[in-house]
């Protein structure tokens, strides 16, 4: 049961990370996205990093096919 909850939390975090990374693109940079999202710059950077890891993992998975 806990494993399923952890998977759901990771999935939700990854989805949020993608949304934050998209917001950075829309706002132009991390500082502007931080202000627009009312989120600390450190959190924006953390989510952008998670999104980058997710993208790299997906690319690596595609390369394995």
N, C-alpha and C. Protein backbone atom coordinates (compact mmCIF):
# COMPACT_ATOMS: atom_id res chain seq x y z
N UNK A 1 0.82 -1.19 0.00
CA UNK A 1 0.00 0.00 0.00
C UNK A 1 0.87 1.26 0.00
N UNK A 2 1.91 1.24 0.81
CA UNK A 2 2.81 2.39 0.87
C UNK A 2 3.53 2.57 -0.46
N UNK A 3 3.93 1.47 -1.08
CA UNK A 3 4.62 1.55 -2.37
C UNK A 3 3.75 2.23 -3.42
N UNK A 4 2.46 1.89 -3.44
CA UNK A 4 1.55 2.51 -4.40
C UNK A 4 1.43 4.01 -4.13
N UNK A 5 1.39 4.39 -2.87
CA UNK A 5 1.29 5.81 -2.52
C UNK A 5 2.56 6.54 -2.94
N UNK A 6 3.72 5.93 -2.73
CA UNK A 6 4.98 6.55 -3.13
C UNK A 6 5.04 6.73 -4.64
N UNK A 7 4.57 5.76 -5.39
CA UNK A 7 4.54 5.86 -6.85
C UNK A 7 3.65 7.01 -7.28
N UNK A 8 2.49 7.13 -6.63
CA UNK A 8 1.57 8.22 -6.97
C UNK A 8 2.18 9.58 -6.65
N UNK A 9 2.87 9.67 -5.52
CA UNK A 9 3.51 10.93 -5.13
C UNK A 9 4.60 11.29 -6.13
N UNK A 10 5.41 10.32 -6.52
CA UNK A 10 6.47 10.59 -7.51
C UNK A 10 5.88 11.02 -8.84
N UNK A 11 4.81 10.37 -9.24
CA UNK A 11 4.17 10.72 -10.51
C UNK A 11 3.63 12.16 -10.45
N UNK A 12 2.97 12.50 -9.35
CA UNK A 12 2.43 13.85 -9.20
C UNK A 12 3.55 14.88 -9.16
N UNK A 13 4.65 14.55 -8.48
CA UNK A 13 5.79 15.46 -8.42
C UNK A 13 6.38 15.67 -9.81
N UNK A 14 6.48 14.60 -10.59
CA UNK A 14 7.02 14.70 -11.94
C UNK A 14 6.11 15.55 -12.82
N UNK A 15 4.80 15.38 -12.69
CA UNK A 15 3.85 16.19 -13.47
C UNK A 15 3.96 17.66 -13.09
N UNK A 16 4.08 17.94 -11.80
CA UNK A 16 4.25 19.31 -11.34
C UNK A 16 5.56 19.89 -11.87
N UNK A 17 6.61 19.07 -11.86
CA UNK A 17 7.91 19.52 -12.36
C UNK A 17 7.82 19.92 -13.82
N UNK A 18 7.12 19.15 -14.62
CA UNK A 18 6.96 19.48 -16.04
C UNK A 18 6.20 20.79 -16.18
N UNK A 19 5.16 20.97 -15.38
CA UNK A 19 4.37 22.20 -15.44
C UNK A 19 5.23 23.41 -15.03
N UNK A 20 6.05 23.26 -14.01
CA UNK A 20 6.92 24.36 -13.58
C UNK A 20 7.95 24.66 -14.66
N UNK A 21 8.52 23.63 -15.27
CA UNK A 21 9.49 23.84 -16.35
C UNK A 21 8.84 24.58 -17.52
N UNK A 22 7.61 24.24 -17.83
CA UNK A 22 6.88 24.95 -18.89
C UNK A 22 6.64 26.40 -18.49
N UNK A 23 6.34 26.63 -17.22
CA UNK A 23 6.13 28.00 -16.74
C UNK A 23 7.40 28.82 -16.87
N UNK A 24 8.55 28.20 -16.61
CA UNK A 24 9.82 28.91 -16.77
C UNK A 24 9.97 29.35 -18.23
N UNK A 25 9.61 28.49 -19.16
CA UNK A 25 9.69 28.86 -20.57
C UNK A 25 8.74 30.01 -20.89
N UNK A 26 7.53 29.96 -20.36
CA UNK A 26 6.53 31.00 -20.62
C UNK A 26 6.96 32.33 -20.01
N UNK A 27 7.43 32.29 -18.77
CA UNK A 27 7.82 33.53 -18.08
C UNK A 27 9.19 34.04 -18.52
N UNK A 28 9.99 33.18 -19.11
CA UNK A 28 11.28 33.62 -19.63
C UNK A 28 12.48 33.21 -18.82
N UNK A 29 12.34 33.12 -17.50
CA UNK A 29 13.44 32.67 -16.66
C UNK A 29 12.91 32.20 -15.31
N UNK A 30 13.81 31.63 -14.51
CA UNK A 30 13.40 31.06 -13.22
C UNK A 30 12.88 32.12 -12.26
N UNK A 31 13.52 33.28 -12.23
CA UNK A 31 13.10 34.34 -11.30
C UNK A 31 11.69 34.83 -11.63
N UNK A 32 11.42 35.07 -12.91
CA UNK A 32 10.09 35.52 -13.31
C UNK A 32 9.04 34.44 -13.04
N UNK A 33 9.40 33.18 -13.30
CA UNK A 33 8.48 32.08 -13.02
C UNK A 33 8.22 31.98 -11.52
N UNK A 34 9.26 32.20 -10.73
CA UNK A 34 9.13 32.17 -9.27
C UNK A 34 8.11 33.20 -8.81
N UNK A 35 8.21 34.40 -9.36
CA UNK A 35 7.28 35.46 -8.98
C UNK A 35 5.88 35.14 -9.50
N UNK A 36 5.78 34.68 -10.74
CA UNK A 36 4.49 34.38 -11.33
C UNK A 36 3.77 33.23 -10.64
N UNK A 37 4.54 32.26 -10.18
CA UNK A 37 3.96 31.08 -9.52
C UNK A 37 3.87 31.26 -8.00
N UNK A 38 4.43 32.37 -7.49
CA UNK A 38 4.51 32.61 -6.05
C UNK A 38 5.18 31.42 -5.36
N UNK A 39 6.34 31.08 -5.90
CA UNK A 39 7.09 29.92 -5.43
C UNK A 39 8.56 30.35 -5.29
N UNK A 40 9.24 29.91 -4.24
CA UNK A 40 10.66 30.29 -4.11
C UNK A 40 11.48 29.83 -5.32
N UNK A 41 12.49 30.62 -5.67
CA UNK A 41 13.34 30.28 -6.81
C UNK A 41 13.97 28.90 -6.61
N UNK A 42 14.33 28.57 -5.38
CA UNK A 42 14.94 27.27 -5.10
C UNK A 42 13.99 26.14 -5.47
N UNK A 43 12.72 26.31 -5.19
CA UNK A 43 11.73 25.29 -5.53
C UNK A 43 11.57 25.18 -7.04
N UNK A 44 11.57 26.32 -7.72
CA UNK A 44 11.48 26.31 -9.18
C UNK A 44 12.66 25.54 -9.75
N UNK A 45 13.86 25.83 -9.25
CA UNK A 45 15.05 25.14 -9.74
C UNK A 45 14.98 23.64 -9.46
N UNK A 46 14.47 23.28 -8.29
CA UNK A 46 14.34 21.86 -7.94
C UNK A 46 13.41 21.16 -8.93
N UNK A 47 12.27 21.78 -9.21
CA UNK A 47 11.32 21.16 -10.14
C UNK A 47 11.86 21.12 -11.56
N UNK A 48 12.59 22.15 -11.96
CA UNK A 48 13.20 22.13 -13.30
C UNK A 48 14.20 20.98 -13.38
N UNK A 49 14.94 20.75 -12.31
CA UNK A 49 15.88 19.63 -12.28
C UNK A 49 15.18 18.29 -12.37
N UNK A 50 14.07 18.16 -11.67
CA UNK A 50 13.28 16.92 -11.73
C UNK A 50 12.76 16.71 -13.15
N UNK A 51 12.27 17.77 -13.77
CA UNK A 51 11.76 17.67 -15.14
C UNK A 51 12.87 17.24 -16.09
N UNK A 52 14.07 17.78 -15.90
CA UNK A 52 15.20 17.41 -16.75
C UNK A 52 15.55 15.93 -16.57
N UNK A 53 15.50 15.46 -15.33
CA UNK A 53 15.78 14.04 -15.06
C UNK A 53 14.73 13.16 -15.71
N UNK A 54 13.47 13.57 -15.62
CA UNK A 54 12.38 12.80 -16.23
C UNK A 54 12.56 12.74 -17.74
N UNK A 55 12.93 13.86 -18.34
CA UNK A 55 13.14 13.91 -19.79
C UNK A 55 14.31 13.01 -20.19
N UNK A 56 15.39 13.07 -19.41
CA UNK A 56 16.56 12.23 -19.70
C UNK A 56 16.21 10.74 -19.54
N UNK A 57 15.45 10.42 -18.51
CA UNK A 57 15.07 9.03 -18.29
C UNK A 57 14.17 8.53 -19.41
N UNK A 58 13.26 9.38 -19.87
CA UNK A 58 12.38 9.00 -20.97
C UNK A 58 13.18 8.82 -22.25
N UNK A 59 14.16 9.69 -22.48
CA UNK A 59 14.99 9.57 -23.67
C UNK A 59 15.83 8.30 -23.62
N UNK A 60 16.34 7.98 -22.45
CA UNK A 60 17.12 6.76 -22.29
C UNK A 60 16.25 5.53 -22.49
N UNK A 61 15.01 5.61 -22.04
CA UNK A 61 14.07 4.51 -22.24
C UNK A 61 13.74 4.32 -23.69
N UNK A 62 13.60 5.42 -24.42
CA UNK A 62 13.33 5.34 -25.87
C UNK A 62 14.52 4.77 -26.62
N UNK A 63 15.73 5.10 -26.14
CA UNK A 63 16.94 4.61 -26.80
C UNK A 63 17.09 3.10 -26.62
N UNK A 64 16.53 2.58 -25.52
CA UNK A 64 16.62 1.14 -25.25
C UNK A 64 15.69 0.32 -26.13
N UNK A 65 14.72 0.97 -26.73
CA UNK A 65 13.73 0.22 -27.54
C UNK A 65 14.26 -0.24 -28.84
